[in-house]
Amino acid sequence: MAIEFYSALKERRSYYGINKDVQVSDERIKEIVEFAVQHTPSAFNSQTARLVVLTGEAHDKLWNITTDILRNVVGEGDFTGTQQRMDSFKSGYGTVLFFEDESIIKSLQGQFPSYADNFPIWSNQASGMHQLVVWAGLEAEGLGVSVQHYNPLIDNEVKKEWNISEDWKLIAQMPFGNPVAQPGEKEYQPLEGRVKFYK
């Protein structure tokens, strides 16, 4: 079991060449996402993570929305590279949106004022753990995955389009699909100086 766990983390990479020809069932994708939400830890067991899975037309619409917003930001500038990135994400099968429920964070800040400044930090840490669990889970099924951050630019339009609570803060977007291009070689910095052990 440890080897499988290590392998899932080691093989996890950012895939930008993906398409919609996915052999993994929607039920399996749902199982992976729900497992992550159920079993990934959070500070004070706050369970602030909120995930939304978009596939089909909803997935395409997300990246159309993002493209339109970014085009307005760029204005008359060269949009070629951005368009290529948007097209690569839209070419995928689906996107997982990661939110954090700020109403719970604010409630905890009121209950534990001495920790008030830490709860938003802990919330972001929990979201990062959820992202890793979903990412590794999807890649273990043979899917290509990456994590993107077009928030807060797209927040308002996303909430309006999918009737998302105002209390939910968008943290990340995770497009996924059938991998059609392998990621490049990953370079690793030496562990010496990055990890220390003491007795």
C-alpha atoms as a PDB file:
ATOM      1  CA  MET A   1       0.000   0.000   0.000  1.00  0.00           C
ATOM      2  CA  ALA A   2       2.840   2.424   0.835  1.00  0.00           C
ATOM      3  CA  ILE A   3       4.391   1.838  -2.602  1.00  0.00           C
ATOM      4  CA  GLU A   4       1.075   2.625  -4.311  1.00  0.00           C
ATOM      5  CA  PHE A   5       0.770   5.808  -2.247  1.00  0.00           C
ATOM      6  CA  TYR A   6       4.312   6.870  -3.104  1.00  0.00           C
ATOM      7  CA  SER A   7       3.742   6.084  -6.771  1.00  0.00           C
ATOM      8  CA  ALA A   8       0.575   8.177  -6.907  1.00  0.00           C
ATOM      9  CA  LEU A   9       2.449  11.174  -5.518  1.00  0.00           C
ATOM     10  CA  LYS A  10       5.555  10.620  -7.634  1.00  0.00           C
ATOM     11  CA  GLU A  11       3.623  10.263 -10.882  1.00  0.00           C
ATOM     12  CA  ARG A  12       1.524  13.351 -10.210  1.00  0.00           C
ATOM     13  CA  ARG A  13       2.513  15.968 -12.799  1.00  0.00           C
ATOM     14  CA  SER A  14       0.995  18.966 -14.564  1.00  0.00           C
ATOM     15  CA  TYR A  15      -0.533  17.869 -17.884  1.00  0.00           C
ATOM     16  CA  TYR A  16      -1.443  20.598 -20.354  1.00  0.00           C
ATOM     17  CA  GLY A  17      -2.084  18.405 -23.379  1.00  0.00           C
ATOM     18  CA  ILE A  18      -5.466  16.773 -22.649  1.00  0.00           C
ATOM     19  CA  ASN A  19      -8.626  15.916 -24.556  1.00  0.00           C
ATOM     20  CA  LYS A  20     -12.167  14.727 -23.899  1.00  0.00           C
ATOM     21  CA  ASP A  21     -11.581  11.060 -24.786  1.00  0.00           C
ATOM     22  CA  VAL A  22     -11.748   9.904 -21.161  1.00  0.00           C
ATOM     23  CA  GLN A  23     -12.255   6.217 -20.326  1.00  0.00           C
ATOM     24  CA  VAL A  24     -12.880   6.850 -16.622  1.00  0.00           C
ATOM     25  CA  SER A  25     -16.569   6.882 -15.684  1.00  0.00           C
ATOM     26  CA  ASP A  26     -18.274   9.905 -14.176  1.00  0.00           C
ATOM     27  CA  GLU A  27     -19.145   7.685 -11.212  1.00  0.00           C
ATOM     28  CA  ARG A  28     -15.451   6.992 -10.561  1.00  0.00           C
ATOM     29  CA  ILE A  29     -14.588  10.682 -10.835  1.00  0.00           C
ATOM     30  CA  LYS A  30     -17.378  11.454  -8.370  1.00  0.00           C
ATOM     31  CA  GLU A  31     -16.052   8.778  -6.025  1.00  0.00           C
ATOM     32  CA  ILE A  32     -12.546  10.282  -6.061  1.00  0.00           C
ATOM     33  CA  VAL A  33     -13.798  13.808  -5.370  1.00  0.00           C
ATOM     34  CA  GLU A  34     -16.163  12.708  -2.609  1.00  0.00           C
ATOM     35  CA  PHE A  35     -13.434  10.592  -1.010  1.00  0.00           C
ATOM     36  CA  ALA A  36     -11.158  13.639  -0.915  1.00  0.00           C
ATOM     37  CA  VAL A  37     -13.820  15.834   0.665  1.00  0.00           C
ATOM     38  CA  GLN A  38     -14.721  13.162   3.223  1.00  0.00           C
ATOM     39  CA  HIS A  39     -11.231  12.151   4.325  1.00  0.00           C
ATOM     40  CA  THR A  40      -8.843  15.081   3.808  1.00  0.00           C
ATOM     41  CA  PRO A  41      -8.041  16.768   7.138  1.00  0.00           C
ATOM     42  CA  SER A  42      -8.816  20.362   8.082  1.00  0.00           C
ATOM     43  CA  ALA A  43      -7.928  22.492  11.095  1.00  0.00           C
ATOM     44  CA  PHE A  44     -10.374  22.063  13.996  1.00  0.00           C
ATOM     45  CA  ASN A  45     -12.128  19.525  11.744  1.00  0.00           C
ATOM     46  CA  SER A  46     -13.757  22.570  10.191  1.00  0.00           C
ATOM     47  CA  GLN A  47     -14.496  20.801   6.889  1.00  0.00           C
ATOM     48  CA  THR A  48     -14.507  24.076   4.955  1.00  0.00           C
ATOM     49  CA  ALA A  49     -13.794  22.568   1.518  1.00  0.00           C
ATOM     50  CA  ARG A  50     -16.492  22.891  -1.122  1.00  0.00           C
ATOM     51  CA  LEU A  51     -15.875  21.296  -4.524  1.00  0.00           C
ATOM     52  CA  VAL A  52     -17.800  21.710  -7.768  1.00  0.00           C
ATOM     53  CA  VAL A  53     -17.197  19.366 -10.709  1.00  0.00           C
ATOM     54  CA  LEU A  54     -17.939  20.670 -14.200  1.00  0.00           C
ATOM     55  CA  THR A  55     -18.059  18.382 -17.243  1.00  0.00           C
ATOM     56  CA  GLY A  56     -19.577  18.598 -20.709  1.00  0.00           C
ATOM     57  CA  GLU A  57     -21.076  21.966 -21.604  1.00  0.00           C
ATOM     58  CA  ALA A  58     -20.480  23.322 -18.100  1.00  0.00           C
ATOM     59  CA  HIS A  59     -16.735  22.651 -18.400  1.00  0.00           C
ATOM     60  CA  ASP A  60     -16.588  24.334 -21.810  1.00  0.00           C
ATOM     61  CA  LYS A  61     -18.558  27.295 -20.491  1.00  0.00           C
ATOM     62  CA  LEU A  62     -16.096  27.820 -17.624  1.00  0.00           C
ATOM     63  CA  TRP A  63     -13.194  28.228 -20.021  1.00  0.00           C
ATOM     64  CA  ASN A  64     -15.251  30.405 -22.382  1.00  0.00           C
ATOM     65  CA  ILE A  65     -16.020  32.683 -19.421  1.00  0.00           C
ATOM     66  CA  THR A  66     -12.361  32.729 -18.394  1.00  0.00           C
ATOM     67  CA  THR A  67     -11.246  33.459 -21.960  1.00  0.00           C
ATOM     68  CA  ASP A  68     -13.664  36.387 -22.316  1.00  0.00           C
ATOM     69  CA  ILE A  69     -12.581  37.909 -18.993  1.00  0.00           C
ATOM     70  CA  LEU A  70      -8.886  37.563 -19.784  1.00  0.00           C
ATOM     71  CA  ARG A  71      -9.406  39.012 -23.252  1.00  0.00           C
ATOM     72  CA  ASN A  72     -10.882  42.123 -21.642  1.00  0.00           C
ATOM     73  CA  VAL A  73      -7.923  42.321 -19.257  1.00  0.00           C
ATOM     74  CA  VAL A  74      -5.370  42.026 -22.054  1.00  0.00           C
ATOM     75  CA  GLY A  75      -7.253  44.499 -24.232  1.00  0.00           C
ATOM     76  CA  GLU A  76      -5.389  45.282 -27.439  1.00  0.00           C
ATOM     77  CA  GLY A  77      -2.339  43.282 -26.350  1.00  0.00           C
ATOM     78  CA  ASP A  78      -1.194  39.987 -27.853  1.00  0.00           C
ATOM     79  CA  PHE A  79      -3.659  37.308 -26.718  1.00  0.00           C
ATOM     80  CA  THR A  80      -2.114  34.397 -28.639  1.00  0.00           C
ATOM     81  CA  GLY A  81      -0.387  32.642 -25.736  1.00  0.00           C
ATOM     82  CA  THR A  82      -3.350  33.107 -23.404  1.00  0.00           C
ATOM     83  CA  GLN A  83      -5.745  31.791 -26.052  1.00  0.00           C
ATOM     84  CA  GLN A  84      -3.611  28.684 -26.475  1.00  0.00           C
ATOM     85  CA  ARG A  85      -3.709  28.016 -22.727  1.00  0.00           C
ATOM     86  CA  MET A  86      -7.474  28.528 -22.625  1.00  0.00           C
ATOM     87  CA  ASP A  87      -7.934  26.183 -25.574  1.00  0.00           C
ATOM     88  CA  SER A  88      -5.784  23.527 -23.892  1.00  0.00           C
ATOM     89  CA  PHE A  89      -7.889  23.608 -20.722  1.00  0.00           C
ATOM     90  CA  LYS A  90     -11.169  23.636 -22.638  1.00  0.00           C
ATOM     91  CA  SER A  91      -9.977  20.625 -24.666  1.00  0.00           C
ATOM     92  CA  GLY A  92     -10.151  18.569 -21.461  1.00  0.00           C
ATOM     93  CA  TYR A  93     -13.041  16.554 -20.132  1.00  0.00           C
ATOM     94  CA  GLY A  94     -13.826  18.452 -16.958  1.00  0.00           C
ATOM     95  CA  THR A  95     -12.733  20.875 -14.266  1.00  0.00           C
ATOM     96  CA  VAL A  96     -12.887  20.636 -10.489  1.00  0.00           C
ATOM     97  CA  LEU A  97     -13.446  23.981  -8.778  1.00  0.00           C
ATOM     98  CA  PHE A  98     -12.079  24.261  -5.249  1.00  0.00           C
ATOM     99  CA  PHE A  99     -13.811  26.623  -2.847  1.00  0.00           C
ATOM    100  CA  GLU A 100     -13.541  27.337   0.872  1.00  0.00           C
ATOM    101  CA  ASP A 101     -16.647  28.215   2.903  1.00  0.00           C
ATOM    102  CA  GLU A 102     -15.795  31.524   4.547  1.00  0.00           C
ATOM    103  CA  SER A 103     -18.888  31.475   6.757  1.00  0.00           C
ATOM    104  CA  ILE A 104     -17.344  28.598   8.723  1.00  0.00           C
ATOM    105  CA  ILE A 105     -14.011  30.403   8.927  1.00  0.00           C
ATOM    106  CA  LYS A 106     -15.685  33.546  10.287  1.00  0.00           C
ATOM    107  CA  SER A 107     -17.652  31.477  12.797  1.00  0.00           C
ATOM    108  CA  LEU A 108     -14.467  29.851  14.065  1.00  0.00           C
ATOM    109  CA  GLN A 109     -12.764  33.225  14.281  1.00  0.00           C
ATOM    110  CA  GLY A 110     -15.585  34.357  16.567  1.00  0.00           C
ATOM    111  CA  GLN A 111     -15.409  31.226  18.703  1.00  0.00           C
ATOM    112  CA  PHE A 112     -11.612  31.249  19.003  1.00  0.00           C
ATOM    113  CA  PRO A 113     -10.474  34.894  18.718  1.00  0.00           C
ATOM    114  CA  SER A 114      -6.906  34.114  19.781  1.00  0.00           C
ATOM    115  CA  TYR A 115      -6.557  32.035  16.576  1.00  0.00           C
ATOM    116  CA  ALA A 116      -8.541  34.404  14.365  1.00  0.00           C
ATOM    117  CA  ASP A 117      -5.649  35.372  12.099  1.00  0.00           C
ATOM    118  CA  ASN A 118      -4.708  31.730  11.538  1.00  0.00           C
ATOM    119  CA  PHE A 119      -8.047  30.361  10.334  1.00  0.00           C
ATOM    120  CA  PRO A 120      -7.764  31.774   6.768  1.00  0.00           C
ATOM    121  CA  ILE A 121      -4.216  30.383   6.584  1.00  0.00           C
ATOM    122  CA  TRP A 122      -5.339  26.971   7.805  1.00  0.00           C
ATOM    123  CA  SER A 123      -8.216  27.075   5.328  1.00  0.00           C
ATOM    124  CA  ASN A 124      -5.786  27.585   2.426  1.00  0.00           C
ATOM    125  CA  GLN A 125      -3.616  24.764   3.731  1.00  0.00           C
ATOM    126  CA  ALA A 126      -6.643  22.451   3.830  1.00  0.00           C
ATOM    127  CA  SER A 127      -7.580  23.437   0.278  1.00  0.00           C
ATOM    128  CA  GLY A 128      -4.054  22.589  -0.868  1.00  0.00           C
ATOM    129  CA  MET A 129      -4.372  19.145   0.698  1.00  0.00           C
ATOM    130  CA  HIS A 130      -7.736  18.599  -1.011  1.00  0.00           C
ATOM    131  CA  GLN A 131      -6.209  19.600  -4.332  1.00  0.00           C
ATOM    132  CA  LEU A 132      -3.353  17.130  -3.907  1.00  0.00           C
ATOM    133  CA  VAL A 133      -5.669  14.259  -2.961  1.00  0.00           C
ATOM    134  CA  VAL A 134      -7.978  14.863  -5.946  1.00  0.00           C
ATOM    135  CA  TRP A 135      -5.015  15.428  -8.278  1.00  0.00           C
ATOM    136  CA  ALA A 136      -3.261  12.211  -7.280  1.00  0.00           C
ATOM    137  CA  GLY A 137      -6.553  10.299  -7.358  1.00  0.00           C
ATOM    138  CA  LEU A 138      -7.419  11.419 -10.882  1.00  0.00           C
ATOM    139  CA  GLU A 139      -3.908  10.769 -12.170  1.00  0.00           C
ATOM    140  CA  ALA A 140      -3.938   7.302 -10.598  1.00  0.00           C
ATOM    141  CA  GLU A 141      -6.863   6.609 -12.958  1.00  0.00           C
ATOM    142  CA  GLY A 142      -4.730   7.621 -15.941  1.00  0.00           C
ATOM    143  CA  LEU A 143      -6.049  11.168 -16.323  1.00  0.00           C
ATOM    144  CA  GLY A 144      -3.954  14.240 -17.074  1.00  0.00           C
ATOM    145  CA  VAL A 145      -4.436  17.039 -14.556  1.00  0.00           C
ATOM    146  CA  SER A 146      -3.158  20.522 -13.719  1.00  0.00           C
ATOM    147  CA  VAL A 147      -4.043  23.237 -11.226  1.00  0.00           C
ATOM    148  CA  GLN A 148      -4.851  26.787 -12.333  1.00  0.00           C
ATOM    149  CA  HIS A 149      -5.595  30.034 -10.509  1.00  0.00           C
ATOM    150  CA  TYR A 150      -7.733  32.469 -12.481  1.00  0.00           C
ATOM    151  CA  ASN A 151      -9.433  33.652  -9.329  1.00  0.00           C
ATOM    152  CA  PRO A 152     -10.384  36.290  -8.325  1.00  0.00           C
ATOM    153  CA  LEU A 153     -10.862  37.502 -11.916  1.00  0.00           C
ATOM    154  CA  ILE A 154     -13.522  34.883 -12.683  1.00  0.00           C
ATOM    155  CA  ASP A 155     -15.141  34.614  -9.241  1.00  0.00           C
ATOM    156  CA  ASN A 156     -18.250  36.712  -9.836  1.00  0.00           C
ATOM    157  CA  GLU A 157     -19.121  35.150 -13.185  1.00  0.00           C
ATOM    158  CA  VAL A 158     -18.568  31.612 -11.870  1.00  0.00           C
ATOM    159  CA  LYS A 159     -20.792  32.218  -8.849  1.00  0.00           C
ATOM    160  CA  LYS A 160     -23.507  33.737 -11.014  1.00  0.00           C
ATOM    161  CA  GLU A 161     -23.397  30.982 -13.652  1.00  0.00           C
ATOM    162  CA  TRP A 162     -23.586  28.049 -11.230  1.00  0.00           C
ATOM    163  CA  ASN A 163     -25.501  29.669  -8.366  1.00  0.00           C
ATOM    164  CA  ILE A 164     -22.582  29.415  -5.945  1.00  0.00           C
ATOM    165  CA  SER A 165     -22.990  30.800  -2.433  1.00  0.00           C
ATOM    166  CA  GLU A 166     -21.388  34.175  -1.773  1.00  0.00           C
ATOM    167  CA  ASP A 167     -19.773  32.555   1.275  1.00  0.00           C
ATOM    168  CA  TRP A 168     -17.731  30.240  -0.955  1.00  0.00           C
ATOM    169  CA  LYS A 169     -14.323  31.618  -1.919  1.00  0.00           C
ATOM    170  CA  LEU A 170     -12.801  30.230  -5.126  1.00  0.00           C
ATOM    171  CA  ILE A 171      -9.275  28.948  -4.526  1.00  0.00           C
ATOM    172  CA  ALA A 172      -8.270  26.938  -7.610  1.00  0.00           C
ATOM    173  CA  GLN A 173      -9.409  25.346 -10.849  1.00  0.00           C
ATOM    174  CA  MET A 174      -8.316  21.823 -11.827  1.00  0.00           C
ATOM    175  CA  PRO A 175      -8.864  20.927 -15.507  1.00  0.00           C
ATOM    176  CA  PHE A 176      -8.491  17.237 -16.319  1.00  0.00           C
ATOM    177  CA  GLY A 177      -8.817  14.928 -19.282  1.00  0.00           C
ATOM    178  CA  ASN A 178      -7.219  12.205 -21.323  1.00  0.00           C
ATOM    179  CA  PRO A 179      -3.484  12.978 -21.586  1.00  0.00           C
ATOM    180  CA  VAL A 180      -2.274  13.411 -25.163  1.00  0.00           C
ATOM    181  CA  ALA A 181       1.110  14.998 -24.422  1.00  0.00           C
ATOM    182  CA  GLN A 182       3.563  14.049 -21.719  1.00  0.00           C
ATOM    183  CA  PRO A 183       4.984  16.688 -19.374  1.00  0.00           C
ATOM    184  CA  GLY A 184       8.653  17.545 -19.649  1.00  0.00           C
ATOM    185  CA  GLU A 185      11.350  16.235 -17.360  1.00  0.00           C
ATOM    186  CA  LYS A 186      11.049  17.533 -13.821  1.00  0.00           C
ATOM    187  CA  GLU A 187      14.135  18.922 -12.153  1.00  0.00           C
ATOM    188  CA  TYR A 188      14.632  18.357  -8.440  1.00  0.00           C
ATOM    189  CA  GLN A 189      16.677  20.502  -6.126  1.00  0.00           C
ATOM    190  CA  PRO A 190      19.015  18.564  -3.817  1.00  0.00           C
ATOM    191  CA  LEU A 191      17.343  17.396  -0.628  1.00  0.00           C
ATOM    192  CA  GLU A 192      20.400  18.460   1.336  1.00  0.00           C
ATOM    193  CA  GLY A 193      19.532  21.829   2.803  1.00  0.00           C
ATOM    194  CA  ARG A 194      15.796  21.313   2.217  1.00  0.00           C
ATOM    195  CA  VAL A 195      15.240  18.644   4.885  1.00  0.00           C
ATOM    196  CA  LYS A 196      16.829  18.456   8.321  1.00  0.00           C
ATOM    197  CA  PHE A 197      16.764  15.658  10.896  1.00  0.00           C
ATOM    198  CA  TYR A 198      17.589  15.965  14.589  1.00  0.00           C
ATOM    199  CA  LYS A 199      17.666  13.563  17.549  1.00  0.00           C
END
